Structure formats: C-alpha cells, structure tokens
Amino acid sequence: ASGAAGDPEQQSLTSLCQQLISSNEFLYV
C-alpha cells in the first residue's frame, strides 16, 4: 500500500526474522 521498493513479502519475512533474533528467547537458546 505504501509503494515501497523491492519485494514486500521478502521484506516482511526479513522483519519477522529481525524480531525473532531480537527476542529474549533467542538470547537464551
């Protein structure tokens, strides 16, 4: 909707991965 450049699905999955590795659970695996 915002007309962002690039592949929106790939960018969304990248954002998900960034959230996962920023979580406390990731730090204590």
PDB file of all heavy atoms in Angstrom:
ATOM      1  N   ALA A   1       0.822  -1.210   0.000  1.00  0.00           N
ATOM      2  CA  ALA A   1       0.000   0.000   0.000  1.00  0.00           C
ATOM      3  C   ALA A   1       0.861   1.267   0.000  1.00  0.00           C
ATOM      4  O   ALA A   1       0.477   2.279  -0.584  1.00  0.00           O
ATOM      5  CB  ALA A   1      -0.933   0.003   1.205  1.00  0.00           C
ATOM      6  N   SER A   2       2.004   1.201   0.647  1.00  0.00           N
ATOM      7  CA  SER A   2       2.868   2.382   0.721  1.00  0.00           C
ATOM      8  C   SER A   2       3.752   2.534  -0.516  1.00  0.00           C
ATOM      9  O   SER A   2       4.437   3.546  -0.663  1.00  0.00           O
ATOM     10  CB  SER A   2       3.744   2.326   1.974  1.00  0.00           C
ATOM     11  OG  SER A   2       4.693   1.280   1.861  1.00  0.00           O
ATOM     12  N   GLY A   3       3.751   1.525  -1.388  1.00  0.00           N
ATOM     13  CA  GLY A   3       4.557   1.604  -2.602  1.00  0.00           C
ATOM     14  C   GLY A   3       6.042   1.437  -2.372  1.00  0.00           C
ATOM     15  O   GLY A   3       6.846   1.961  -3.137  1.00  0.00           O
ATOM     16  N   ALA A   4       6.408   0.728  -1.321  1.00  0.00           N
ATOM     17  CA  ALA A   4       7.830   0.520  -1.006  1.00  0.00           C
ATOM     18  C   ALA A   4       8.529  -0.234  -2.134  1.00  0.00           C
ATOM     19  O   ALA A   4       7.939  -1.108  -2.772  1.00  0.00           O
ATOM     20  CB  ALA A   4       7.962  -0.249   0.298  1.00  0.00           C
ATOM     21  N   ALA A   5       9.777   0.110  -2.357  1.00  0.00           N
ATOM     22  CA  ALA A   5      10.566  -0.563  -3.387  1.00  0.00           C
ATOM     23  C   ALA A   5      10.968  -1.951  -2.913  1.00  0.00           C
ATOM     24  O   ALA A   5      11.066  -2.215  -1.722  1.00  0.00           O
ATOM     25  CB  ALA A   5      11.813   0.257  -3.699  1.00  0.00           C
ATOM     26  N   GLY A   6      11.185  -2.842  -3.841  1.00  0.00           N
ATOM     27  CA  GLY A   6      11.623  -4.192  -3.500  1.00  0.00           C
ATOM     28  C   GLY A   6      10.452  -5.152  -3.365  1.00  0.00           C
ATOM     29  O   GLY A   6       9.303  -4.813  -3.633  1.00  0.00           O
ATOM     30  N   ASP A   7      10.763  -6.360  -2.951  1.00  0.00           N
ATOM     31  CA  ASP A   7       9.761  -7.417  -2.789  1.00  0.00           C
ATOM     32  C   ASP A   7       9.134  -7.300  -1.400  1.00  0.00           C
ATOM     33  O   ASP A   7       9.802  -7.571  -0.398  1.00  0.00           O
ATOM     34  CB  ASP A   7      10.433  -8.779  -2.959  1.00  0.00           C
ATOM     35  CG  ASP A   7       9.483  -9.944  -2.832  1.00  0.00           C
ATOM     36  OD1 ASP A   7       8.258  -9.719  -2.708  1.00  0.00           O
ATOM     37  OD2 ASP A   7       9.958 -11.095  -2.867  1.00  0.00           O
ATOM     38  N   PRO A   8       7.862  -6.923  -1.303  1.00  0.00           N
ATOM     39  CA  PRO A   8       7.230  -6.723   0.007  1.00  0.00           C
ATOM     40  C   PRO A   8       7.213  -7.987   0.872  1.00  0.00           C
ATOM     41  O   PRO A   8       7.405  -7.907   2.080  1.00  0.00           O
ATOM     42  CB  PRO A   8       5.812  -6.271  -0.325  1.00  0.00           C
ATOM     43  CG  PRO A   8       5.849  -5.816  -1.726  1.00  0.00           C
ATOM     44  CD  PRO A   8       6.966  -6.566  -2.380  1.00  0.00           C
ATOM     45  N   GLU A   9       7.005  -9.157   0.254  1.00  0.00           N
ATOM     46  CA  GLU A   9       6.968 -10.390   1.042  1.00  0.00           C
ATOM     47  C   GLU A   9       8.348 -10.696   1.626  1.00  0.00           C
ATOM     48  O   GLU A   9       8.469 -11.067   2.787  1.00  0.00           O
ATOM     49  CB  GLU A   9       6.471 -11.561   0.206  1.00  0.00           C
ATOM     50  CG  GLU A   9       6.193 -12.794   1.045  1.00  0.00           C
ATOM     51  CD  GLU A   9       5.480 -13.871   0.265  1.00  0.00           C
ATOM     52  OE1 GLU A   9       4.275 -13.727   0.022  1.00  0.00           O
ATOM     53  OE2 GLU A   9       6.157 -14.860  -0.100  1.00  0.00           O
ATOM     54  N   GLN A  10       9.370 -10.512   0.830  1.00  0.00           N
ATOM     55  CA  GLN A  10      10.733 -10.746   1.315  1.00  0.00           C
ATOM     56  C   GLN A  10      11.088  -9.773   2.441  1.00  0.00           C
ATOM     57  O   GLN A  10      11.694 -10.143   3.447  1.00  0.00           O
ATOM     58  CB  GLN A  10      11.736 -10.594   0.176  1.00  0.00           C
ATOM     59  CG  GLN A  10      13.157 -10.825   0.609  1.00  0.00           C
ATOM     60  CD  GLN A  10      13.780 -11.972  -0.114  1.00  0.00           C
ATOM     61  OE1 GLN A  10      13.308 -12.377  -1.158  1.00  0.00           O
ATOM     62  NE2 GLN A  10      14.828 -12.504   0.439  1.00  0.00           N
ATOM     63  N   GLN A  11      10.707  -8.505   2.286  1.00  0.00           N
ATOM     64  CA  GLN A  11      10.972  -7.519   3.326  1.00  0.00           C
ATOM     65  C   GLN A  11      10.215  -7.854   4.611  1.00  0.00           C
ATOM     66  O   GLN A  11      10.733  -7.673   5.712  1.00  0.00           O
ATOM     67  CB  GLN A  11      10.586  -6.123   2.840  1.00  0.00           C
ATOM     68  CG  GLN A  11      11.492  -5.599   1.765  1.00  0.00           C
ATOM     69  CD  GLN A  11      11.023  -4.259   1.217  1.00  0.00           C
ATOM     70  OE1 GLN A  11       9.923  -3.812   1.498  1.00  0.00           O
ATOM     71  NE2 GLN A  11      11.871  -3.623   0.425  1.00  0.00           N
ATOM     72  N   SER A  12       8.995  -8.366   4.464  1.00  0.00           N
ATOM     73  CA  SER A  12       8.199  -8.753   5.630  1.00  0.00           C
ATOM     74  C   SER A  12       8.815  -9.938   6.360  1.00  0.00           C
ATOM     75  O   SER A  12       8.867  -9.970   7.591  1.00  0.00           O
ATOM     76  CB  SER A  12       6.770  -9.089   5.206  1.00  0.00           C
ATOM     77  OG  SER A  12       6.153  -7.981   4.613  1.00  0.00           O
ATOM     78  N   LEU A  13       9.301 -10.911   5.613  1.00  0.00           N
ATOM     79  CA  LEU A  13       9.972 -12.058   6.240  1.00  0.00           C
ATOM     80  C   LEU A  13      11.268 -11.617   6.914  1.00  0.00           C
ATOM     81  O   LEU A  13      11.615 -12.124   7.982  1.00  0.00           O
ATOM     82  CB  LEU A  13      10.245 -13.144   5.201  1.00  0.00           C
ATOM     83  CG  LEU A  13       9.011 -13.906   4.720  1.00  0.00           C
ATOM     84  CD1 LEU A  13       9.330 -14.718   3.478  1.00  0.00           C
ATOM     85  CD2 LEU A  13       8.463 -14.792   5.825  1.00  0.00           C
ATOM     86  N   THR A  14      11.958 -10.665   6.320  1.00  0.00           N
ATOM     87  CA  THR A  14      13.166 -10.120   6.937  1.00  0.00           C
ATOM     88  C   THR A  14      12.833  -9.447   8.265  1.00  0.00           C
ATOM     89  O   THR A  14      13.538  -9.627   9.259  1.00  0.00           O
ATOM     90  CB  THR A  14      13.855  -9.129   5.985  1.00  0.00           C
ATOM     91  OG1 THR A  14      14.201  -9.801   4.789  1.00  0.00           O
ATOM     92  CG2 THR A  14      15.097  -8.530   6.613  1.00  0.00           C
ATOM     93  N   SER A  15      11.740  -8.698   8.295  1.00  0.00           N
ATOM     94  CA  SER A  15      11.307  -8.047   9.537  1.00  0.00           C
ATOM     95  C   SER A  15      10.958  -9.084  10.605  1.00  0.00           C
ATOM     96  O   SER A  15      11.290  -8.905  11.781  1.00  0.00           O
ATOM     97  CB  SER A  15      10.090  -7.158   9.281  1.00  0.00           C
ATOM     98  OG  SER A  15      10.423  -6.086   8.452  1.00  0.00           O
ATOM     99  N   LEU A  16      10.302 -10.163  10.204  1.00  0.00           N
ATOM    100  CA  LEU A  16       9.984 -11.237  11.152  1.00  0.00           C
ATOM    101  C   LEU A  16      11.271 -11.829  11.730  1.00  0.00           C
ATOM    102  O   LEU A  16      11.384 -12.015  12.948  1.00  0.00           O
ATOM    103  CB  LEU A  16       9.154 -12.329  10.485  1.00  0.00           C
ATOM    104  CG  LEU A  16       8.887 -13.557  11.354  1.00  0.00           C
ATOM    105  CD1 LEU A  16       7.931 -13.215  12.500  1.00  0.00           C
ATOM    106  CD2 LEU A  16       8.348 -14.707  10.529  1.00  0.00           C
ATOM    107  N   CYS A  17      12.241 -12.105  10.875  1.00  0.00           N
ATOM    108  CA  CYS A  17      13.498 -12.685  11.345  1.00  0.00           C
ATOM    109  C   CYS A  17      14.230 -11.731  12.291  1.00  0.00           C
ATOM    110  O   CYS A  17      14.805 -12.175  13.293  1.00  0.00           O
ATOM    111  CB  CYS A  17      14.390 -13.044  10.161  1.00  0.00           C
ATOM    112  SG  CYS A  17      13.759 -14.424   9.189  1.00  0.00           S
ATOM    113  N   GLN A  18      14.180 -10.448  12.009  1.00  0.00           N
ATOM    114  CA  GLN A  18      14.809  -9.477  12.902  1.00  0.00           C
ATOM    115  C   GLN A  18      14.130  -9.476  14.265  1.00  0.00           C
ATOM    116  O   GLN A  18      14.792  -9.363  15.294  1.00  0.00           O
ATOM    117  CB  GLN A  18      14.771  -8.081  12.275  1.00  0.00           C
ATOM    118  CG  GLN A  18      15.720  -7.940  11.119  1.00  0.00           C
ATOM    119  CD  GLN A  18      15.550  -6.626  10.375  1.00  0.00           C
ATOM    120  OE1 GLN A  18      14.544  -5.945  10.502  1.00  0.00           O
ATOM    121  NE2 GLN A  18      16.551  -6.288   9.584  1.00  0.00           N
ATOM    122  N   GLN A  19      12.813  -9.612  14.274  1.00  0.00           N
ATOM    123  CA  GLN A  19      12.097  -9.682  15.550  1.00  0.00           C
ATOM    124  C   GLN A  19      12.471 -10.955  16.312  1.00  0.00           C
ATOM    125  O   GLN A  19      12.631 -10.922  17.530  1.00  0.00           O
ATOM    126  CB  GLN A  19      10.593  -9.641  15.328  1.00  0.00           C
ATOM    127  CG  GLN A  19      10.088  -8.285  14.960  1.00  0.00           C
ATOM    128  CD  GLN A  19       8.580  -8.229  14.898  1.00  0.00           C
ATOM    129  OE1 GLN A  19       7.899  -9.238  14.904  1.00  0.00           O
ATOM    130  NE2 GLN A  19       8.052  -7.027  14.832  1.00  0.00           N
ATOM    131  N   LEU A  20      12.597 -12.058  15.597  1.00  0.00           N
ATOM    132  CA  LEU A  20      12.939 -13.319  16.263  1.00  0.00           C
ATOM    133  C   LEU A  20      14.313 -13.242  16.928  1.00  0.00           C
ATOM    134  O   LEU A  20      14.485 -13.690  18.063  1.00  0.00           O
ATOM    135  CB  LEU A  20      12.889 -14.485  15.271  1.00  0.00           C
ATOM    136  CG  LEU A  20      11.525 -14.841  14.704  1.00  0.00           C
ATOM    137  CD1 LEU A  20      11.661 -15.929  13.642  1.00  0.00           C
ATOM    138  CD2 LEU A  20      10.558 -15.262  15.789  1.00  0.00           C
ATOM    139  N   ILE A  21      15.288 -12.673  16.224  1.00  0.00           N
ATOM    140  CA  ILE A  21      16.634 -12.644  16.807  1.00  0.00           C
ATOM    141  C   ILE A  21      16.807 -11.510  17.814  1.00  0.00           C
ATOM    142  O   ILE A  21      17.830 -11.438  18.475  1.00  0.00           O
ATOM    143  CB  ILE A  21      17.739 -12.596  15.730  1.00  0.00           C
ATOM    144  CG1 ILE A  21      17.628 -11.343  14.873  1.00  0.00           C
ATOM    145  CG2 ILE A  21      17.702 -13.840  14.878  1.00  0.00           C
ATOM    146  CD1 ILE A  21      18.774 -11.156  13.895  1.00  0.00           C
ATOM    147  N   SER A  22      15.801 -10.663  17.940  1.00  0.00           N
ATOM    148  CA  SER A  22      15.840  -9.605  18.959  1.00  0.00           C
ATOM    149  C   SER A  22      15.116 -10.019  20.234  1.00  0.00           C
ATOM    150  O   SER A  22      15.093  -9.253  21.207  1.00  0.00           O
ATOM    151  CB  SER A  22      15.172  -8.333  18.418  1.00  0.00           C
ATOM    152  OG  SER A  22      15.912  -7.838  17.345  1.00  0.00           O
ATOM    153  N   SER A  23      14.550 -11.196  20.247  1.00  0.00           N
ATOM    154  CA  SER A  23      13.752 -11.631  21.410  1.00  0.00           C
ATOM    155  C   SER A  23      14.630 -12.226  22.514  1.00  0.00           C
ATOM    156  O   SER A  23      15.767 -12.652  22.276  1.00  0.00           O
ATOM    157  CB  SER A  23      12.727 -12.677  20.963  1.00  0.00           C
ATOM    158  OG  SER A  23      13.385 -13.884  20.674  1.00  0.00           O
ATOM    159  N   ASN A  24      14.080 -12.256  23.694  1.00  0.00           N
ATOM    160  CA  ASN A  24      14.792 -12.872  24.817  1.00  0.00           C
ATOM    161  C   ASN A  24      14.999 -14.362  24.605  1.00  0.00           C
ATOM    162  O   ASN A  24      16.025 -14.906  25.004  1.00  0.00           O
ATOM    163  CB  ASN A  24      14.006 -12.663  26.123  1.00  0.00           C
ATOM    164  CG  ASN A  24      14.178 -11.284  26.672  1.00  0.00           C
ATOM    165  OD1 ASN A  24      15.100 -10.575  26.307  1.00  0.00           O
ATOM    166  ND2 ASN A  24      13.272 -10.887  27.543  1.00  0.00           N
ATOM    167  N   GLU A  25      14.027 -15.027  23.990  1.00  0.00           N
ATOM    168  CA  GLU A  25      14.160 -16.474  23.786  1.00  0.00           C
ATOM    169  C   GLU A  25      15.379 -16.780  22.911  1.00  0.00           C
ATOM    170  O   GLU A  25      16.082 -17.747  23.150  1.00  0.00           O
ATOM    171  CB  GLU A  25      12.898 -17.045  23.147  1.00  0.00           C
ATOM    172  CG  GLU A  25      12.956 -18.561  23.011  1.00  0.00           C
ATOM    173  CD  GLU A  25      11.671 -19.188  22.528  1.00  0.00           C
ATOM    174  OE1 GLU A  25      10.628 -18.512  22.516  1.00  0.00           O
ATOM    175  OE2 GLU A  25      11.711 -20.377  22.181  1.00  0.00           O
ATOM    176  N   PHE A  26      15.636 -15.965  21.910  1.00  0.00           N
ATOM    177  CA  PHE A  26      16.800 -16.183  21.054  1.00  0.00           C
ATOM    178  C   PHE A  26      18.086 -16.051  21.842  1.00  0.00           C
ATOM    179  O   PHE A  26      19.034 -16.808  21.671  1.00  0.00           O
ATOM    180  CB  PHE A  26      16.800 -15.199  19.880  1.00  0.00           C
ATOM    181  CG  PHE A  26      17.992 -15.351  18.975  1.00  0.00           C
ATOM    182  CD1 PHE A  26      18.050 -16.383  18.053  1.00  0.00           C
ATOM    183  CD2 PHE A  26      19.059 -14.474  19.064  1.00  0.00           C
ATOM    184  CE1 PHE A  26      19.149 -16.529  17.228  1.00  0.00           C
ATOM    185  CE2 PHE A  26      20.161 -14.615  18.227  1.00  0.00           C
ATOM    186  CZ  PHE A  26      20.197 -15.637  17.320  1.00  0.00           C
ATOM    187  N   LEU A  27      18.143 -15.100  22.760  1.00  0.00           N
ATOM    188  CA  LEU A  27      19.349 -14.857  23.525  1.00  0.00           C
ATOM    189  C   LEU A  27      19.705 -16.014  24.453  1.00  0.00           C
ATOM    190  O   LEU A  27      20.863 -16.204  24.808  1.00  0.00           O
ATOM    191  CB  LEU A  27      19.202 -13.576  24.348  1.00  0.00           C
ATOM    192  CG  LEU A  27      19.072 -12.296  23.525  1.00  0.00           C
ATOM    193  CD1 LEU A  27      18.793 -11.112  24.449  1.00  0.00           C
ATOM    194  CD2 LEU A  27      20.307 -12.044  22.707  1.00  0.00           C
ATOM    195  N   TYR A  28      18.691 -16.798  24.844  1.00  0.00           N
ATOM    196  CA  TYR A  28      18.916 -17.858  25.825  1.00  0.00           C
ATOM    197  C   TYR A  28      18.726 -19.259  25.263  1.00  0.00           C
ATOM    198  O   TYR A  28      18.515 -20.212  25.995  1.00  0.00           O
ATOM    199  CB  TYR A  28      17.989 -17.658  27.030  1.00  0.00           C
ATOM    200  CG  TYR A  28      18.286 -16.360  27.728  1.00  0.00           C
ATOM    201  CD1 TYR A  28      17.430 -15.274  27.603  1.00  0.00           C
ATOM    202  CD2 TYR A  28      19.444 -16.196  28.478  1.00  0.00           C
ATOM    203  CE1 TYR A  28      17.710 -14.057  28.230  1.00  0.00           C
ATOM    204  CE2 TYR A  28      19.726 -14.980  29.109  1.00  0.00           C
ATOM    205  CZ  TYR A  28      18.853 -13.932  28.971  1.00  0.00           C
ATOM    206  OH  TYR A  28      19.143 -12.740  29.588  1.00  0.00           O
ATOM    207  N   VAL A  29      18.842 -19.439  23.935  1.00  0.00           N
ATOM    208  CA  VAL A  29      18.758 -20.764  23.343  1.00  0.00           C
ATOM    209  C   VAL A  29      19.970 -21.570  23.787  1.00  0.00           C
ATOM    210  O   VAL A  29      21.098 -21.092  23.772  1.00  0.00           O
ATOM    211  CB  VAL A  29      18.692 -20.669  21.797  1.00  0.00           C
ATOM    212  CG1 VAL A  29      18.845 -22.042  21.175  1.00  0.00           C
ATOM    213  CG2 VAL A  29      17.395 -20.036  21.359  1.00  0.00           C
TER     214      VAL A  29
END
